[in-house]
PDB file of N, CA and C in Angstrom:
ATOM      1  N   MET A   1     108.926  41.134 130.855  1.00  0.00           N
ATOM      2  CA  MET A   1     108.220  42.313 131.530  1.00  0.00           C
ATOM      3  C   MET A   1     107.178  41.732 131.336  1.00  0.00           C
ATOM      4  N   THR A   2     106.454  41.823 132.775  1.00  0.00           N
ATOM      5  CA  THR A   2     105.056  41.368 133.213  1.00  0.00           C
ATOM      6  C   THR A   2     104.220  42.234 132.725  1.00  0.00           C
ATOM      7  N   GLN A   3     102.705  41.850 132.247  1.00  0.00           N
ATOM      8  CA  GLN A   3     101.790  42.435 132.380  1.00  0.00           C
ATOM      9  C   GLN A   3     101.565  43.613 133.355  1.00  0.00           C
ATOM     10  N   LYS A   4     101.812  43.120 134.600  1.00  0.00           N
ATOM     11  CA  LYS A   4     101.459  43.975 135.606  1.00  0.00           C
ATOM     12  C   LYS A   4     102.375  45.518 135.364  1.00  0.00           C
ATOM     13  N   LYS A   5     103.831  45.357 134.924  1.00  0.00           N
ATOM     14  CA  LYS A   5     104.519  46.239 134.806  1.00  0.00           C
ATOM     15  C   LYS A   5     104.438  47.296 133.723  1.00  0.00           C
ATOM     16  N   LYS A   6     103.927  46.375 132.416  1.00  0.00           N
ATOM     17  CA  LYS A   6     104.014  46.808 131.130  1.00  0.00           C
ATOM     18  C   LYS A   6     102.469  48.024 131.303  1.00  0.00           C
ATOM     19  N   PHE A   7     101.593  47.418 132.115  1.00  0.00           N
ATOM     20  CA  PHE A   7     100.264  48.423 132.334  1.00  0.00           C
ATOM     21  C   PHE A   7     100.951  49.871 133.467  1.00  0.00           C
ATOM     22  N   GLU A   8     101.648  49.262 134.339  1.00  0.00           N
ATOM     23  CA  GLU A   8     101.924  50.644 135.375  1.00  0.00           C
ATOM     24  C   GLU A   8     102.848  51.791 134.261  1.00  0.00           C
ATOM     25  N   ASN A   9     103.389  51.350 133.277  1.00  0.00           N
ATOM     26  CA  ASN A   9     104.386  51.917 132.561  1.00  0.00           C
ATOM     27  C   ASN A   9     103.083  52.785 131.898  1.00  0.00           C
ATOM     28  N   LYS A  10     102.651  52.321 131.109  1.00  0.00           N
ATOM     29  CA  LYS A  10     101.700  52.832 130.159  1.00  0.00           C
ATOM     30  C   LYS A  10     100.631  54.298 130.996  1.00  0.00           C
ATOM     31  N   LYS A  11     100.325  53.153 132.111  1.00  0.00           N
ATOM     32  CA  LYS A  11      99.488  54.186 133.103  1.00  0.00           C
ATOM     33  C   LYS A  11     100.195  55.383 133.152  1.00  0.00           C
ATOM     34  N   ASP A  12     101.276  55.507 133.503  1.00  0.00           N
ATOM     35  CA  ASP A  12     101.992  56.368 133.673  1.00  0.00           C
ATOM     36  C   ASP A  12     102.156  57.518 132.609  1.00  0.00           C
ATOM     37  N   GLN A  13     102.240  56.811 131.542  1.00  0.00           N
ATOM     38  CA  GLN A  13     102.614  57.971 130.388  1.00  0.00           C
ATOM     39  C   GLN A  13     101.374  58.221 129.636  1.00  0.00           C
ATOM     40  N   LEU A  14     100.139  57.594 130.130  1.00  0.00           N
ATOM     41  CA  LEU A  14      99.147  57.888 130.026  1.00  0.00           C
ATOM     42  C   LEU A  14      98.222  59.340 130.844  1.00  0.00           C
ATOM     43  N   VAL A  15      98.630  59.096 132.161  1.00  0.00           N
ATOM     44  CA  VAL A  15      98.253  60.098 132.880  1.00  0.00           C
ATOM     45  C   VAL A  15      99.280  61.576 132.987  1.00  0.00           C
ATOM     46  N   GLY A  16     100.714  61.105 132.356  1.00  0.00           N
ATOM     47  CA  GLY A  16     101.427  62.041 132.125  1.00  0.00           C
ATOM     48  C   GLY A  16     101.052  62.590 130.971  1.00  0.00           C
ATOM     49  N   LYS A  17     100.744  62.199 129.789  1.00  0.00           N
ATOM     50  CA  LYS A  17      99.953  63.009 128.593  1.00  0.00           C
ATOM     51  C   LYS A  17      98.728  64.024 129.405  1.00  0.00           C
ATOM     52  N   ALA A  18      98.155  63.404 130.281  1.00  0.00           N
ATOM     53  CA  ALA A  18      96.760  64.230 130.401  1.00  0.00           C
ATOM     54  C   ALA A  18      97.203  65.253 131.157  1.00  0.00           C
ATOM     55  N   LYS A  19      98.013  64.843 132.396  1.00  0.00           N
ATOM     56  CA  LYS A  19      98.697  66.150 133.212  1.00  0.00           C
ATOM     57  C   LYS A  19      99.256  67.005 132.344  1.00  0.00           C
ATOM     58  N   GLU A  20      99.940  66.953 131.212  1.00  0.00           N
ATOM     59  CA  GLU A  20     100.972  67.978 130.257  1.00  0.00           C
ATOM     60  C   GLU A  20      99.591  68.814 129.861  1.00  0.00           C
ATOM     61  N   THR A  21      98.663  68.161 129.114  1.00  0.00           N
ATOM     62  CA  THR A  21      97.792  68.491 128.244  1.00  0.00           C
ATOM     63  C   THR A  21      96.768  69.574 129.282  1.00  0.00           C
ATOM     64  N   GLY A  22      96.084  69.309 130.283  1.00  0.00           N
ATOM     65  CA  GLY A  22      95.600  69.812 131.578  1.00  0.00           C
ATOM     66  C   GLY A  22      96.151  71.344 131.577  1.00  0.00           C
ATOM     67  N   GLY A  23      97.853  70.581 131.969  1.00  0.00           N
ATOM     68  CA  GLY A  23      98.218  72.323 132.551  1.00  0.00           C
ATOM     69  C   GLY A  23      98.539  73.158 131.273  1.00  0.00           C
ATOM     70  N   LYS A  24      98.523  72.555 130.030  1.00  0.00           N
ATOM     71  CA  LYS A  24      98.749  73.563 128.471  1.00  0.00           C
ATOM     72  C   LYS A  24      97.600  74.306 128.453  1.00  0.00           C
ATOM     73  N   LEU A  25      96.126  73.647 128.920  1.00  0.00           N
ATOM     74  CA  LEU A  25      94.830  74.216 128.311  1.00  0.00           C
ATOM     75  C   LEU A  25      94.663  75.171 129.405  1.00  0.00           C
ATOM     76  N   THR A  26      95.194  74.685 130.554  1.00  0.00           N
ATOM     77  CA  THR A  26      94.468  75.750 131.921  1.00  0.00           C
ATOM     78  C   THR A  26      95.688  77.198 132.134  1.00  0.00           C
ATOM     79  N   GLY A  27      97.219  76.887 130.813  1.00  0.00           N
ATOM     80  CA  GLY A  27      98.259  77.644 131.740  1.00  0.00           C
ATOM     81  C   GLY A  27      98.649  77.250 132.846  1.00  0.00           C
ATOM     82  N   ASP A  28      98.782  76.268 133.517  1.00  0.00           N
ATOM     83  CA  ASP A  28      99.378  75.578 134.643  1.00  0.00           C
ATOM     84  C   ASP A  28     101.137  75.108 134.131  1.00  0.00           C
ATOM     85  N   LYS A  29     101.695  76.219 134.152  1.00  0.00           N
ATOM     86  CA  LYS A  29     103.287  75.189 133.835  1.00  0.00           C
ATOM     87  C   LYS A  29     103.767  74.091 134.798  1.00  0.00           C
ATOM     88  N   GLU A  30     103.504  74.365 136.021  1.00  0.00           N
ATOM     89  CA  GLU A  30     103.646  73.334 137.099  1.00  0.00           C
ATOM     90  C   GLU A  30     102.932  71.798 136.807  1.00  0.00           C
ATOM     91  N   LEU A  31     101.447  71.964 136.149  1.00  0.00           N
ATOM     92  CA  LEU A  31     101.046  70.755 136.267  1.00  0.00           C
ATOM     93  C   LEU A  31     101.402  69.880 134.944  1.00  0.00           C
ATOM     94  N   GLU A  32     102.180  71.166 133.683  1.00  0.00           N
ATOM     95  CA  GLU A  32     102.713  71.033 132.588  1.00  0.00           C
ATOM     96  C   GLU A  32     103.699  69.704 132.605  1.00  0.00           C
ATOM     97  N   ALA A  33     104.622  70.901 133.898  1.00  0.00           N
ATOM     98  CA  ALA A  33     105.991  69.930 133.680  1.00  0.00           C
ATOM     99  C   ALA A  33     105.814  68.757 134.484  1.00  0.00           C
ATOM    100  N   LYS A  34     104.809  68.484 135.655  1.00  0.00           N
ATOM    101  CA  LYS A  34     104.859  67.211 136.242  1.00  0.00           C
ATOM    102  C   LYS A  34     104.696  66.114 135.319  1.00  0.00           C
ATOM    103  N   GLY A  35     103.662  66.539 134.513  1.00  0.00           N
ATOM    104  CA  GLY A  35     102.933  65.835 133.303  1.00  0.00           C
ATOM    105  C   GLY A  35     103.814  65.235 132.547  1.00  0.00           C
ATOM    106  N   LYS A  36     104.603  65.719 131.538  1.00  0.00           N
ATOM    107  CA  LYS A  36     105.616  65.696 131.114  1.00  0.00           C
ATOM    108  C   LYS A  36     106.723  64.872 131.805  1.00  0.00           C
ATOM    109  N   SER A  37     106.948  65.085 133.314  1.00  0.00           N
ATOM    110  CA  SER A  37     107.720  64.147 133.907  1.00  0.00           C
ATOM    111  C   SER A  37     107.750  62.635 133.953  1.00  0.00           C
ATOM    112  N   GLN A  38     106.135  62.635 134.356  1.00  0.00           N
ATOM    113  CA  GLN A  38     105.616  61.322 134.543  1.00  0.00           C
ATOM    114  C   GLN A  38     105.683  60.990 133.236  1.00  0.00           C
ATOM    115  N   ASP A  39     105.223  61.258 132.320  1.00  0.00           N
ATOM    116  CA  ASP A  39     105.024  60.229 130.905  1.00  0.00           C
ATOM    117  C   ASP A  39     106.676  60.228 130.669  1.00  0.00           C
ATOM    118  N   THR A  40     107.947  60.729 130.765  1.00  0.00           N
ATOM    119  CA  THR A  40     108.769  60.612 130.042  1.00  0.00           C
ATOM    120  C   THR A  40     109.147  59.441 131.000  1.00  0.00           C
ATOM    121  N   LEU A  41     109.088  59.557 132.304  1.00  0.00           N
ATOM    122  CA  LEU A  41     109.340  58.293 133.378  1.00  0.00           C
ATOM    123  C   LEU A  41     108.757  56.839 132.974  1.00  0.00           C
ATOM    124  N   GLY A  42     107.425  57.196 132.689  1.00  0.00           N
ATOM    125  CA  GLY A  42     106.798  55.847 132.027  1.00  0.00           C
ATOM    126  C   GLY A  42     107.639  55.501 130.950  1.00  0.00           C
ATOM    127  N   LYS A  43     108.063  55.990 129.901  1.00  0.00           N
ATOM    128  CA  LYS A  43     108.444  55.450 128.509  1.00  0.00           C
ATOM    129  C   LYS A  43     109.814  54.961 129.203  1.00  0.00           C
ATOM    130  N   ALA A  44     110.966  55.568 130.414  1.00  0.00           N
ATOM    131  CA  ALA A  44     111.951  55.247 130.353  1.00  0.00           C
ATOM    132  C   ALA A  44     111.691  53.798 131.436  1.00  0.00           C
ATOM    133  N   LYS A  45     111.094  53.680 131.839  1.00  0.00           N
ATOM    134  CA  LYS A  45     110.824  52.190 132.696  1.00  0.00           C
ATOM    135  C   LYS A  45     110.856  51.398 131.642  1.00  0.00           C
ATOM    136  N   GLU A  46     109.304  51.680 130.396  1.00  0.00           N
ATOM    137  CA  GLU A  46     109.617  50.882 129.840  1.00  0.00           C
ATOM    138  C   GLU A  46     110.428  50.261 128.712  1.00  0.00           C
ATOM    139  N   LYS A  47     111.398  51.230 128.366  1.00  0.00           N
ATOM    140  CA  LYS A  47     112.572  51.137 127.851  1.00  0.00           C
ATOM    141  C   LYS A  47     113.667  50.163 128.487  1.00  0.00           C
ATOM    142  N   LEU A  48     113.614  50.582 130.282  1.00  0.00           N
ATOM    143  CA  LEU A  48     114.797  49.664 130.620  1.00  0.00           C
ATOM    144  C   LEU A  48     114.063  48.049 130.595  1.00  0.00           C
ATOM    145  N   ASP A  49     112.754  48.082 130.964  1.00  0.00           N
ATOM    146  CA  ASP A  49     112.346  46.967 131.210  1.00  0.00           C
ATOM    147  C   ASP A  49     112.154  46.103 129.675  1.00  0.00           C
ATOM    148  N   ASP A  50     112.206  46.729 128.752  1.00  0.00           N
ATOM    149  CA  ASP A  50     112.803  46.022 127.511  1.00  0.00           C
ATOM    150  C   ASP A  50     114.185  46.070 127.276  1.00  0.00           C
ATOM    151  N   THR A  51     115.161  46.370 127.945  1.00  0.00           N
ATOM    152  CA  THR A  51     116.253  46.170 127.586  1.00  0.00           C
ATOM    153  C   THR A  51     116.972  44.787 128.671  1.00  0.00           C
ATOM    154  N   LYS A  52     116.151  44.740 130.138  1.00  0.00           N
ATOM    155  CA  LYS A  52     116.473  44.116 130.774  1.00  0.00           C
ATOM    156  C   LYS A  52     115.725  42.680 130.323  1.00  0.00           C
ATOM    157  N   ASP A  53     114.814  42.455 129.295  1.00  0.00           N
ATOM    158  CA  ASP A  53     114.372  40.934 128.562  1.00  0.00           C
ATOM    159  C   ASP A  53     115.192  41.107 127.705  1.00  0.00           C
ATOM    160  N   ALA A  54     116.000  42.098 127.099  1.00  0.00           N
ATOM    161  CA  ALA A  54     116.725  41.858 125.734  1.00  0.00           C
ATOM    162  C   ALA A  54     117.868  40.597 126.755  1.00  0.00           C
ATOM    163  N   ILE A  55     118.249  41.336 127.570  1.00  0.00           N
ATOM    164  CA  ILE A  55     120.062  40.942 128.028  1.00  0.00           C
ATOM    165  C   ILE A  55     119.279  39.759 129.000  1.00  0.00           C
ATOM    166  N   LYS A  56     118.086  39.191 129.568  1.00  0.00           N
ATOM    167  CA  LYS A  56     118.057  38.235 129.822  1.00  0.00           C
ATOM    168  C   LYS A  56     117.731  36.824 128.647  1.00  0.00           C
ATOM    169  N   GLY A  57     117.382  37.140 127.460  1.00  0.00           N
ATOM    170  CA  GLY A  57     116.798  36.317 126.533  1.00  0.00           C
ATOM    171  C   GLY A  57     118.423  36.192 125.816  1.00  0.00           C
ATOM    172  N   ALA A  58     119.471  37.496 125.625  1.00  0.00           N
ATOM    173  CA  ALA A  58     120.929  37.047 125.432  1.00  0.00           C
ATOM    174  C   ALA A  58     121.789  36.335 126.560  1.00  0.00           C
ATOM    175  N   VAL A  59     121.187  36.092 127.656  1.00  0.00           N
ATOM    176  CA  VAL A  59     122.047  35.387 128.358  1.00  0.00           C
ATOM    177  C   VAL A  59     121.503  34.190 128.384  1.00  0.00           C
ATOM    178  N   GLU A  60     120.415  33.785 128.484  1.00  0.00           N
ATOM    179  CA  GLU A  60     119.603  32.137 128.108  1.00  0.00           C
ATOM    180  C   GLU A  60     120.150  31.453 126.726  1.00  0.00           C
ATOM    181  N   SER A  61     120.085  32.457 125.515  1.00  0.00           N
ATOM    182  CA  SER A  61     120.679  32.012 124.390  1.00  0.00           C
ATOM    183  C   SER A  61     122.201  31.430 124.495  1.00  0.00           C
ATOM    184  N   ALA A  62     122.827  32.096 124.916  1.00  0.00           N
ATOM    185  CA  ALA A  62     124.435  31.992 125.213  1.00  0.00           C
ATOM    186  C   ALA A  62     124.858  30.705 125.994  1.00  0.00           C
ATOM    187  N   LYS A  63     123.652  30.624 127.030  1.00  0.00           N
ATOM    188  CA  LYS A  63     123.969  29.691 128.384  1.00  0.00           C
ATOM    189  C   LYS A  63     123.591  28.324 127.320  1.00  0.00           C
ATOM    190  N   ASN A  64     122.179  28.322 126.816  1.00  0.00           N
ATOM    191  CA  ASN A  64     121.659  27.560 126.232  1.00  0.00           C
ATOM    192  C   ASN A  64     122.916  26.796 124.633  1.00  0.00           C
ATOM    193  N   LYS A  65     123.724  27.855 124.074  1.00  0.00           N
ATOM    194  CA  LYS A  65     124.456  27.679 123.025  1.00  0.00           C
ATOM    195  C   LYS A  65     125.675  26.806 123.665  1.00  0.00           C
ATOM    196  N   LEU A  66     126.048  27.114 124.808  1.00  0.00           N
ATOM    197  CA  LEU A  66     127.290  26.789 125.300  1.00  0.00           C
ATOM    198  C   LEU A  66     126.895  25.370 126.174  1.00  0.00           C
ATOM    199  N   THR A  67     125.883  24.879 126.659  1.00  0.00           N
ATOM    200  CA  THR A  67     125.405  23.698 127.065  1.00  0.00           C
ATOM    201  C   THR A  67     125.183  22.919 125.803  1.00  0.00           C
ATOM    202  N   SER A  68     124.978  23.250 124.830  1.00  0.00           N
ATOM    203  CA  SER A  68     124.597  22.003 124.121  1.00  0.00           C
ATOM    204  C   SER A  68     126.012  21.693 123.304  1.00  0.00           C
ATOM    205  N   ASP A  69     126.916  22.406 123.275  1.00  0.00           N
ATOM    206  CA  ASP A  69     128.069  22.716 122.683  1.00  0.00           C
ATOM    207  C   ASP A  69     128.860  21.737 123.549  1.00  0.00           C
ATOM    208  N   LYS A  70     128.640  21.174 124.502  1.00  0.00           N
ATOM    209  CA  LYS A  70     129.146  20.258 125.475  1.00  0.00           C
ATOM    210  C   LYS A  70     129.070  19.168 125.192  1.00  0.00           C
ATOM    211  N   ASP A  71     127.993  19.007 124.322  1.00  0.00           N
ATOM    212  CA  ASP A  71     127.496  17.386 124.221  1.00  0.00           C
ATOM    213  C   ASP A  71     127.953  17.195 123.109  1.00  0.00           C
TER     214      ASP A  71
END
């Protein structure tokens, strides 16, 4: 995962938490829900990117193993 993606995902989580908290403090249920959604979206993107990285690593490892077995 690139640093830019990590930053964007964490930013979504942070802004989402801020909106959620602001909504709770002011009694604005819509803002609270939007914040919760944005936070969850940031977490989901982070998990997806982590999974992509893990799959890439596994594929590279398998390729390297297959290549070295041919020698």
